[in-house]
Amino acid sequence: MALLTYSTRPRGGVVHTLALAEALAALGVDVHVWTLGRGGDTTFFRPVDPAVTVHAVPFADRPDGLVAEDVTEDVGARIVRSIDVLAEAFAAERAAYDVVHAQDCISANAALRSGTCLRTVHHLDTFTTPELVACHDRAVHEPAGLVCVSAAVAEEVRAGYGRTTTVIANGVAAARFEAGALDAAGRGACRRELGRYVLAVGGIEPRKGTLDLLEAFAGLRAAHPDVRLVLAGGETLFDYRDYRTAFDARAAELGVEPVLLGVVDDDALPALVAEAAALSFVSTKEGFGLAALEALAAGTPVLARDLPVLREVLGDTVAYAADVPAMTDALTGLLTDPPPSEPGRDLARSFSWTTAAEAHLAFYENALSAHTGRPTHLD
């Protein structure tokens, strides 16, 4: 089977793709992962189990003919080019696969060029760029079957698109982040470099609610003047320069100097998360909440935006807030009186990638049976 994603960099959908691929391979499935190798990448951000075959399709930073330093490729054109490049490469090998499962709208559109596919809808987005709107909608309307990682997103898909989906929760690498909590050397290095800090992952972008976090953080400094705001990650296809400019300007007005780590080495991430005084997870849209569960596994208190999907997945193991004043109050409370860690750890442990892979196998068999009209079993 083929799993398709759009990047080799550490975004949520890419993390999901690799973990699912490895869990399926452990069950005996011959899994191939297809992706775009952006910026000369030939491998993913972390080592991948050798039982999984990786196809990284070269994707140039700039299209042919776009060479002047003052000329840039807009988001719409880059999306179209991404689809074209992945579609052409994958079409040549498509006949080798019984199952094609895309993990995002770009890879779904690429797969649909040469046949049908299955698709995971991690969350629904609202775009204004015409090419993105078309990519997003086609990738929900046209696949033969859809998976959602939460019931809340499944209901959004039903209400917005009239489609029934199969809900399969993510797994969580709980043991990896529990080990981060025990990594005295790694945590010590974070402490020496960063002091006491509130951490957010995913970079500075609208969906991550980074401006709201900035405002909330500014409000808690009177009670916790020693705490720093640390932002990790941020690899993205999209152009968030205007949002980043607004963020920088507002940070200067508030007198906040965030620490911007960029993409963090995968081996260093568990200790960074474990050492944080709290993790902020105030995204305006999410499909599951994987980063929050990883923090809970590490024993780190979590602030989450009050979204139905996060209530569904995280239950009462985190603090919730719907607006900036409530975020300030919740973060202040987490820093002043951290909650017990065991309920969150127990929740994180309950999400298994093996269980997720087994549910995916059943989903694939049902999809193939519906297509062929006879029972199908994948080994």
Protein backbone atom coordinates (compact mmCIF):
# COMPACT_ATOMS: atom_id res chain seq x y z
CA MET A 1 0.00 0.00 0.00
CA ALA A 2 0.97 3.64 -0.42
CA LEU A 3 0.64 6.41 2.15
CA LEU A 4 1.04 9.88 0.69
CA THR A 5 2.00 13.10 2.47
CA TYR A 6 3.21 16.50 1.31
CA SER A 7 6.48 17.15 3.13
CA THR A 8 9.44 15.59 4.91
CA ARG A 9 9.34 18.23 7.66
CA PRO A 10 7.82 17.80 11.16
CA ARG A 11 4.21 18.86 10.73
CA GLY A 12 1.36 17.02 12.45
CA GLY A 13 0.13 15.18 9.36
CA VAL A 14 3.66 14.06 8.51
CA VAL A 15 4.24 12.77 12.06
CA HIS A 16 0.95 10.86 11.75
CA THR A 17 1.91 9.39 8.37
CA LEU A 18 5.23 8.00 9.55
CA ALA A 19 3.85 6.55 12.79
CA LEU A 20 0.96 4.89 10.96
CA ALA A 21 3.27 3.53 8.26
CA GLU A 22 5.58 1.97 10.84
CA ALA A 23 2.68 0.47 12.79
CA LEU A 24 1.21 -1.02 9.61
CA ALA A 25 4.61 -2.43 8.64
CA ALA A 26 4.86 -4.05 12.08
CA LEU A 27 1.59 -5.84 11.27
CA GLY A 28 3.15 -7.24 8.11
CA VAL A 29 1.88 -4.75 5.52
CA ASP A 30 4.20 -3.74 2.67
CA VAL A 31 4.03 0.04 3.14
CA HIS A 32 5.46 2.70 0.86
CA VAL A 33 5.43 6.37 1.89
CA TRP A 34 5.43 8.98 -0.86
CA THR A 35 6.28 12.59 -0.17
CA LEU A 36 7.74 15.73 -1.70
CA GLY A 37 11.41 16.27 -0.91
CA ARG A 38 11.42 20.04 -0.52
CA GLY A 39 14.62 22.06 -0.54
CA GLY A 40 16.75 19.08 -1.50
CA ASP A 41 15.40 16.78 1.23
CA THR A 42 15.81 13.08 0.47
CA THR A 43 14.77 11.76 3.89
CA PHE A 44 12.28 12.65 6.60
CA PHE A 45 13.00 14.76 9.67
CA ARG A 46 13.64 11.55 11.63
CA PRO A 47 14.84 8.05 10.76
CA VAL A 48 12.09 5.80 9.41
CA ASP A 49 11.83 2.09 10.16
CA PRO A 50 13.59 0.26 7.28
CA ALA A 51 10.49 -1.92 6.88
CA VAL A 52 8.86 1.17 5.34
CA THR A 53 9.92 2.16 1.82
CA VAL A 54 10.29 5.92 1.36
CA HIS A 55 9.88 7.72 -1.98
CA ALA A 56 10.93 11.37 -1.65
CA VAL A 57 10.08 13.10 -4.93
CA PRO A 58 12.48 16.01 -5.60
CA PHE A 59 10.75 19.38 -5.38
CA ALA A 60 12.75 22.47 -6.27
CA ASP A 61 12.45 25.55 -4.08
CA ARG A 62 11.76 27.63 -7.18
CA PRO A 63 10.07 26.60 -10.43
CA ASP A 64 11.91 26.69 -13.74
CA GLY A 65 12.24 30.23 -15.01
CA LEU A 66 11.69 31.87 -11.62
CA VAL A 67 15.24 32.96 -10.87
CA ALA A 68 15.21 36.67 -10.08
CA GLU A 69 15.82 37.28 -6.37
CA ASP A 70 12.95 39.75 -6.17
CA VAL A 71 10.40 37.40 -7.74
CA THR A 72 8.50 35.00 -5.50
CA GLU A 73 6.09 32.15 -6.15
CA ASP A 74 2.71 32.82 -4.57
CA VAL A 75 0.98 30.24 -2.39
CA GLY A 76 -1.54 29.22 -5.04
CA ALA A 77 1.11 28.55 -7.65
CA ARG A 78 3.21 26.60 -5.17
CA ILE A 79 0.25 24.40 -4.24
CA VAL A 80 -0.50 23.64 -7.89
CA ARG A 81 3.15 22.86 -8.58
CA SER A 82 3.30 20.60 -5.51
CA ILE A 83 0.31 18.62 -6.78
CA ASP A 84 1.71 18.41 -10.31
CA VAL A 85 5.15 17.16 -9.24
CA LEU A 86 3.86 14.52 -6.82
CA ALA A 87 1.11 13.41 -9.22
CA GLU A 88 3.50 12.84 -12.12
CA ALA A 89 5.95 10.80 -10.05
CA PHE A 90 3.29 8.73 -8.29
CA ALA A 91 1.30 7.94 -11.45
CA ALA A 92 4.24 5.98 -12.86
CA GLU A 93 4.13 3.57 -9.87
CA ARG A 94 0.46 3.61 -8.93
CA ALA A 95 -0.39 0.21 -10.43
CA ALA A 96 1.85 -1.46 -7.82
CA TYR A 97 -0.51 -0.60 -4.94
CA ASP A 98 -3.72 -2.18 -3.72
CA VAL A 99 -4.45 0.73 -1.38
CA VAL A 100 -3.62 4.43 -1.84
CA HIS A 101 -4.18 6.56 1.25
CA ALA A 102 -3.51 10.31 1.19
CA GLN A 103 -2.99 12.27 4.39
CA ASP A 104 -3.67 15.84 3.24
CA CYS A 105 -5.29 17.77 0.43
CA ILE A 106 -2.12 18.17 -1.64
CA SER A 107 -1.30 14.46 -1.71
CA ALA A 108 -4.98 13.56 -2.22
CA ASN A 109 -5.20 15.81 -5.27
CA ALA A 110 -1.99 14.27 -6.58
CA ALA A 111 -3.32 10.72 -6.12
CA LEU A 112 -6.68 11.57 -7.68
CA ARG A 113 -4.93 12.52 -10.93
CA SER A 114 -4.34 8.83 -11.69
CA GLY A 115 -7.24 7.09 -9.93
CA THR A 116 -9.19 7.02 -6.73
CA CYS A 117 -7.77 7.09 -3.22
CA LEU A 118 -8.66 7.08 0.45
CA ARG A 119 -8.06 10.19 2.55
CA THR A 120 -7.57 11.18 6.17
CA VAL A 121 -9.18 14.52 7.01
CA HIS A 122 -7.24 15.71 10.05
CA HIS A 123 -9.19 18.97 10.22
CA LEU A 124 -11.14 21.26 7.90
CA ASP A 125 -9.60 24.58 6.90
CA THR A 126 -11.01 27.85 5.61
CA PHE A 127 -8.97 29.26 2.74
CA THR A 128 -9.30 32.32 0.50
CA THR A 129 -6.63 31.44 -2.09
CA PRO A 130 -8.64 29.93 -5.00
CA GLU A 131 -6.15 27.14 -5.66
CA LEU A 132 -6.22 26.15 -1.99
CA VAL A 133 -10.02 26.23 -1.84
CA ALA A 134 -10.19 23.92 -4.85
CA CYS A 135 -7.50 21.61 -3.45
CA HIS A 136 -9.22 21.41 -0.05
CA ASP A 137 -12.73 20.77 -1.38
CA ARG A 138 -11.79 18.20 -4.02
CA ALA A 139 -9.80 16.28 -1.40
CA VAL A 140 -12.95 15.90 0.70
CA HIS A 141 -15.52 15.37 -2.07
CA GLU A 142 -13.70 12.90 -4.34
CA PRO A 143 -11.80 10.21 -2.38
CA ALA A 144 -13.53 6.83 -2.22
CA GLY A 145 -13.44 6.78 1.58
CA LEU A 146 -12.57 9.17 4.39
CA VAL A 147 -11.01 8.74 7.81
CA CYS A 148 -11.26 11.36 10.55
CA VAL A 149 -9.13 11.24 13.69
CA SER A 150 -11.94 12.52 15.93
CA ALA A 151 -15.74 12.43 16.02
CA ALA A 152 -15.88 16.24 16.13
CA VAL A 153 -14.14 16.56 12.76
CA ALA A 154 -16.24 13.71 11.36
CA GLU A 155 -19.35 15.71 12.24
CA GLU A 156 -17.92 18.82 10.55
CA VAL A 157 -17.32 16.78 7.40
CA ARG A 158 -20.86 15.38 7.52
CA ALA A 159 -22.40 18.82 8.05
CA GLY A 160 -20.26 20.61 5.48
CA TYR A 161 -19.89 17.96 2.78
CA GLY A 162 -22.60 15.37 3.42
CA ARG A 163 -20.05 12.58 3.70
CA THR A 164 -19.91 9.76 6.22
CA THR A 165 -16.44 9.03 7.57
CA THR A 166 -14.71 6.38 9.64
CA VAL A 167 -13.31 7.69 12.94
CA ILE A 168 -9.90 6.27 13.88
CA ALA A 169 -8.04 8.03 16.67
CA ASN A 170 -4.34 8.78 16.41
CA GLY A 171 -1.81 6.85 18.40
CA VAL A 172 0.55 8.63 20.77
CA ALA A 173 4.24 7.85 21.29
CA ALA A 174 3.65 8.08 25.02
CA ALA A 175 6.71 6.06 26.07
CA ARG A 176 8.98 8.37 24.08
CA PHE A 177 7.73 11.47 25.89
CA GLU A 178 7.69 9.73 29.26
CA ALA A 179 11.36 8.99 28.62
CA GLY A 180 11.85 12.70 27.95
CA ALA A 181 10.69 13.41 31.48
CA LEU A 182 13.46 11.09 32.77
CA ASP A 183 16.15 12.60 30.51
CA ALA A 184 18.09 14.53 33.16
CA ALA A 185 20.81 15.63 30.74
CA GLY A 186 18.40 16.83 28.07
CA ARG A 187 16.17 18.64 30.55
CA GLY A 188 19.19 20.19 32.21
CA ALA A 189 20.39 21.57 28.90
CA CYS A 190 16.94 23.10 28.27
CA ARG A 191 16.91 24.61 31.76
CA ARG A 192 20.35 26.17 31.36
CA GLU A 193 19.51 27.61 27.94
CA LEU A 194 15.91 28.67 28.47
CA GLY A 195 15.27 28.94 32.20
CA ARG A 196 11.61 28.49 33.11
CA TYR A 197 9.34 28.63 30.07
CA VAL A 198 5.93 28.23 28.51
CA LEU A 199 6.27 26.24 25.28
CA ALA A 200 4.21 26.28 22.09
CA VAL A 201 4.92 24.11 19.05
CA GLY A 202 3.95 24.76 15.46
CA GLY A 203 5.50 28.16 14.83
CA ILE A 204 3.90 31.56 14.40
CA GLU A 205 0.75 31.22 12.31
CA PRO A 206 -2.96 32.06 12.46
CA ARG A 207 -4.26 28.51 13.00
CA LYS A 208 -1.97 28.07 15.98
CA GLY A 209 -3.43 31.17 17.65
CA THR A 210 0.06 32.57 18.30
CA LEU A 211 -1.07 36.18 18.67
CA ASP A 212 -3.60 35.16 21.32
CA LEU A 213 -0.87 33.27 23.15
CA LEU A 214 1.38 36.34 23.02
CA GLU A 215 -1.33 38.51 24.58
CA ALA A 216 -2.09 35.90 27.23
CA PHE A 217 1.58 35.48 28.09
CA ALA A 218 2.05 39.22 28.50
CA GLY A 219 -0.73 39.19 31.08
CA LEU A 220 0.88 36.57 33.32
CA ARG A 221 4.29 38.20 33.72
CA ALA A 222 3.25 40.17 36.79
CA ALA A 223 2.66 36.90 38.64
CA HIS A 224 5.54 35.01 36.98
CA PRO A 225 8.20 37.49 35.82
CA ASP A 226 10.83 34.74 35.46
CA VAL A 227 8.95 32.77 32.80
CA ARG A 228 9.88 33.00 29.11
CA LEU A 229 7.78 32.29 26.03
CA VAL A 230 9.40 29.66 23.78
CA LEU A 231 8.11 28.83 20.29
CA ALA A 232 9.29 25.71 18.47
CA GLY A 233 8.64 24.46 14.94
CA GLY A 234 7.08 26.42 12.14
CA GLU A 235 7.90 24.59 8.92
CA THR A 236 5.06 25.36 6.51
CA LEU A 237 4.12 25.69 2.85
CA PHE A 238 2.14 28.84 3.45
CA ASP A 239 3.17 32.48 3.51
CA TYR A 240 2.53 33.85 6.99
CA ARG A 241 4.87 36.83 6.72
CA ASP A 242 2.12 39.36 7.40
CA TYR A 243 1.03 37.47 10.51
CA ARG A 244 4.65 37.16 11.64
CA THR A 245 5.16 40.91 11.12
CA ALA A 246 2.07 41.63 13.22
CA PHE A 247 3.32 39.22 15.88
CA ASP A 248 6.76 40.86 16.03
CA ALA A 249 5.25 44.34 16.24
CA ARG A 250 2.88 43.36 19.02
CA ALA A 251 5.64 41.57 20.94
CA ALA A 252 7.71 44.76 20.83
CA GLU A 253 4.74 46.81 22.07
CA LEU A 254 4.19 44.40 24.94
CA GLY A 255 7.87 44.14 25.81
CA VAL A 256 7.86 40.36 25.28
CA GLU A 257 10.94 38.75 23.75
CA PRO A 258 9.93 35.25 22.65
CA VAL A 259 12.59 32.62 22.09
CA LEU A 260 12.19 31.24 18.57
CA LEU A 261 13.77 27.81 18.27
CA GLY A 262 12.61 26.95 14.76
CA VAL A 263 12.54 23.26 13.87
CA VAL A 264 13.81 21.25 16.85
CA ASP A 265 15.84 18.07 16.40
CA ASP A 266 13.48 15.16 16.87
CA ASP A 267 15.67 13.51 19.51
CA ALA A 268 15.71 16.73 21.56
CA LEU A 269 11.95 17.33 21.47
CA PRO A 270 10.80 15.07 24.36
CA ALA A 271 13.13 16.72 26.88
CA LEU A 272 12.16 20.20 25.63
CA VAL A 273 8.48 19.36 26.14
CA ALA A 274 9.07 17.68 29.51
CA GLU A 275 11.06 20.61 30.92
CA ALA A 276 8.41 23.20 29.97
CA ALA A 277 6.45 24.66 32.87
CA ALA A 278 3.38 24.43 30.61
CA LEU A 279 2.50 23.73 26.99
CA SER A 280 0.18 26.16 25.23
CA PHE A 281 -2.13 24.54 22.70
CA VAL A 282 -4.47 27.37 21.69
CA SER A 283 -5.00 26.51 18.01
CA THR A 284 -8.19 27.81 16.44
CA LYS A 285 -8.60 24.52 14.54
CA GLU A 286 -7.33 21.05 15.39
CA GLY A 287 -8.21 17.52 14.41
CA PHE A 288 -7.00 15.59 17.44
CA GLY A 289 -4.46 17.27 19.72
CA LEU A 290 -1.38 15.08 19.32
CA ALA A 291 1.10 17.66 20.66
CA ALA A 292 -1.04 18.16 23.77
CA LEU A 293 -1.12 14.41 24.44
CA GLU A 294 2.64 14.18 23.97
CA ALA A 295 3.03 16.92 26.60
CA LEU A 296 0.69 15.06 28.96
CA ALA A 297 2.79 11.93 28.48
CA ALA A 298 5.84 13.98 29.49
CA GLY A 299 4.06 15.20 32.61
CA THR A 300 3.74 18.78 31.36
CA PRO A 301 0.58 20.77 32.18
CA VAL A 302 -1.40 21.85 29.11
CA LEU A 303 -3.53 24.87 28.28
CA ALA A 304 -5.93 24.14 25.39
CA ARG A 305 -8.32 26.36 23.53
CA ASP A 306 -11.89 25.40 24.37
CA LEU A 307 -12.79 23.53 21.17
CA PRO A 308 -15.22 20.59 20.92
CA VAL A 309 -12.55 18.36 19.39
CA LEU A 310 -10.12 19.01 22.24
CA ARG A 311 -12.83 18.43 24.85
CA GLU A 312 -13.54 15.12 23.10
CA VAL A 313 -9.94 13.92 23.05
CA LEU A 314 -8.35 15.53 26.11
CA GLY A 315 -11.28 15.37 28.53
CA ASP A 316 -10.56 16.89 31.92
CA THR A 317 -6.77 16.38 31.83
CA VAL A 318 -6.00 19.94 30.64
CA ALA A 319 -7.02 23.52 31.40
CA TYR A 320 -9.33 25.15 28.83
CA ALA A 321 -9.79 28.77 27.83
CA ALA A 322 -11.87 30.42 25.09
CA ASP A 323 -10.37 33.93 25.05
CA VAL A 324 -7.21 35.83 25.97
CA PRO A 325 -8.15 36.82 29.56
CA ALA A 326 -9.13 33.23 30.31
CA MET A 327 -5.88 32.00 28.75
CA THR A 328 -3.89 34.32 31.02
CA ASP A 329 -5.77 33.09 34.08
CA ALA A 330 -5.40 29.43 33.10
CA LEU A 331 -1.69 29.69 32.36
CA THR A 332 -1.12 31.56 35.62
CA GLY A 333 -2.92 28.79 37.46
CA LEU A 334 -0.91 26.05 35.78
CA LEU A 335 2.35 27.78 36.64
CA THR A 336 1.33 28.51 40.22
CA ASP A 337 -0.24 25.17 41.07
CA PRO A 338 0.52 22.46 38.48
CA PRO A 339 -2.06 19.66 38.35
CA PRO A 340 -1.13 16.01 38.99
CA SER A 341 0.47 14.39 35.97
CA GLU A 342 -0.85 10.84 36.17
CA PRO A 343 -4.34 11.40 34.68
CA GLY A 344 -2.76 12.95 31.58
CA ARG A 345 -0.16 10.21 31.32
CA ASP A 346 -2.83 7.55 31.60
CA LEU A 347 -4.82 9.21 28.82
CA ALA A 348 -1.79 9.44 26.51
CA ARG A 349 -0.98 5.77 27.10
CA SER A 350 -4.50 4.80 26.06
CA PHE A 351 -3.87 5.85 22.42
CA SER A 352 -1.91 3.11 20.65
CA TRP A 353 -0.51 3.24 17.13
CA THR A 354 -0.94 -0.55 16.92
CA THR A 355 -4.65 -0.13 17.64
CA ALA A 356 -4.84 2.65 15.06
CA ALA A 357 -3.08 0.49 12.46
CA GLU A 358 -5.43 -2.44 13.08
CA ALA A 359 -8.42 -0.14 12.62
CA HIS A 360 -6.91 1.18 9.40
CA LEU A 361 -6.49 -2.36 8.09
CA ALA A 362 -10.18 -3.02 8.68
CA PHE A 363 -11.00 0.26 6.93
CA TYR A 364 -8.85 -0.71 3.92
CA GLU A 365 -10.41 -4.17 3.69
CA ASN A 366 -13.91 -2.69 3.75
CA ALA A 367 -12.97 -0.17 1.07
CA LEU A 368 -11.47 -2.86 -1.16
CA SER A 369 -14.45 -5.17 -0.65
CA ALA A 370 -16.80 -2.35 -1.64
CA HIS A 371 -14.69 -1.71 -4.75
CA THR A 372 -14.35 -5.34 -5.87
CA GLY A 373 -17.66 -6.69 -4.61
CA ARG A 374 -16.01 -9.57 -2.75
CA PRO A 375 -14.43 -9.97 0.73
CA THR A 376 -10.83 -8.79 0.91
CA HIS A 377 -8.21 -9.50 3.57
CA LEU A 378 -4.88 -7.68 3.73
CA ASP A 379 -1.94 -9.54 5.28
